[in-house]
Amino acid sequence: MEHPHMSLGGFCIMLFKKSWRIAYFRMFDNMYDKMYVLFVVYWAGLTRTTTEN
């Protein structure tokens, strides 16, 4: 379990360091994009195999 003062420190750094804040949200945006593509490709393969049978 993470200590509250550590997460508070990370939050404060994110408030004041614009470059860190941009990098943090860019990381989550890229991760979301990758997961979305994986899901769409998986779903397309799933629907293709079920419609062929």
C-alpha atoms as a PDB file:
ATOM      1  CA  MET A   1       0.000   0.000   0.000  1.00  0.00           C
ATOM      2  CA  GLU A   2       1.294   3.404  -0.923  1.00  0.00           C
ATOM      3  CA  HIS A   3       1.859   6.010   1.755  1.00  0.00           C
ATOM      4  CA  PRO A   4      -0.438   9.071   1.517  1.00  0.00           C
ATOM      5  CA  HIS A   5       2.441  11.543   1.651  1.00  0.00           C
ATOM      6  CA  MET A   6       4.078   9.881  -1.364  1.00  0.00           C
ATOM      7  CA  SER A   7       0.979  10.174  -3.523  1.00  0.00           C
ATOM      8  CA  LEU A   8       0.448  13.738  -2.317  1.00  0.00           C
ATOM      9  CA  GLY A   9       4.022  14.575  -3.295  1.00  0.00           C
ATOM     10  CA  GLY A  10       3.464  13.120  -6.758  1.00  0.00           C
ATOM     11  CA  PHE A  11       0.284  15.139  -7.093  1.00  0.00           C
ATOM     12  CA  CYS A  12       2.029  18.376  -6.090  1.00  0.00           C
ATOM     13  CA  ILE A  13       4.832  17.768  -8.564  1.00  0.00           C
ATOM     14  CA  MET A  14       2.219  17.254 -11.284  1.00  0.00           C
ATOM     15  CA  LEU A  15       0.659  20.607 -10.397  1.00  0.00           C
ATOM     16  CA  PHE A  16       3.853  22.582 -10.766  1.00  0.00           C
ATOM     17  CA  LYS A  17       5.871  20.705 -13.388  1.00  0.00           C
ATOM     18  CA  LYS A  18       4.050  21.226 -16.676  1.00  0.00           C
ATOM     19  CA  SER A  19       6.374  18.913 -18.615  1.00  0.00           C
ATOM     20  CA  TRP A  20       5.726  16.058 -16.141  1.00  0.00           C
ATOM     21  CA  ARG A  21       1.976  16.660 -16.300  1.00  0.00           C
ATOM     22  CA  ILE A  22       2.013  16.547 -20.102  1.00  0.00           C
ATOM     23  CA  ALA A  23       4.134  13.377 -20.106  1.00  0.00           C
ATOM     24  CA  TYR A  24       1.835  11.712 -17.547  1.00  0.00           C
ATOM     25  CA  PHE A  25      -1.350  12.326 -19.510  1.00  0.00           C
ATOM     26  CA  ARG A  26       0.345  11.547 -22.829  1.00  0.00           C
ATOM     27  CA  MET A  27       1.406   8.166 -21.399  1.00  0.00           C
ATOM     28  CA  PHE A  28      -2.200   7.332 -20.461  1.00  0.00           C
ATOM     29  CA  ASP A  29      -3.468   8.561 -23.820  1.00  0.00           C
ATOM     30  CA  ASN A  30      -1.005   6.313 -25.669  1.00  0.00           C
ATOM     31  CA  MET A  31      -1.875   3.371 -23.423  1.00  0.00           C
ATOM     32  CA  TYR A  32      -5.586   3.922 -24.123  1.00  0.00           C
ATOM     33  CA  ASP A  33      -4.924   4.027 -27.868  1.00  0.00           C
ATOM     34  CA  LYS A  34      -2.978   0.745 -27.781  1.00  0.00           C
ATOM     35  CA  MET A  35      -5.644  -1.005 -25.717  1.00  0.00           C
ATOM     36  CA  TYR A  36      -8.383   0.260 -28.029  1.00  0.00           C
ATOM     37  CA  VAL A  37      -6.579  -1.059 -31.112  1.00  0.00           C
ATOM     38  CA  LEU A  38      -5.957  -4.427 -29.438  1.00  0.00           C
ATOM     39  CA  PHE A  39      -9.627  -4.682 -28.483  1.00  0.00           C
ATOM     40  CA  VAL A  40     -10.863  -3.760 -31.978  1.00  0.00           C
ATOM     41  CA  VAL A  41      -8.515  -6.251 -33.650  1.00  0.00           C
ATOM     42  CA  TYR A  42      -9.510  -8.971 -31.168  1.00  0.00           C
ATOM     43  CA  TRP A  43     -13.219  -8.198 -31.646  1.00  0.00           C
ATOM     44  CA  ALA A  44     -12.884  -8.240 -35.442  1.00  0.00           C
ATOM     45  CA  GLY A  45     -11.182 -11.622 -35.298  1.00  0.00           C
ATOM     46  CA  LEU A  46     -13.858 -12.929 -32.937  1.00  0.00           C
ATOM     47  CA  THR A  47     -16.752 -11.782 -35.118  1.00  0.00           C
ATOM     48  CA  ARG A  48     -15.076 -13.056 -38.277  1.00  0.00           C
ATOM     49  CA  THR A  49     -14.633 -16.555 -36.859  1.00  0.00           C
ATOM     50  CA  THR A  50     -18.213 -16.679 -35.532  1.00  0.00           C
ATOM     51  CA  THR A  51     -19.772 -15.518 -38.805  1.00  0.00           C
ATOM     52  CA  GLU A  52     -17.761 -18.011 -40.877  1.00  0.00           C
ATOM     53  CA  ASN A  53     -19.092 -21.016 -38.915  1.00  0.00           C
END
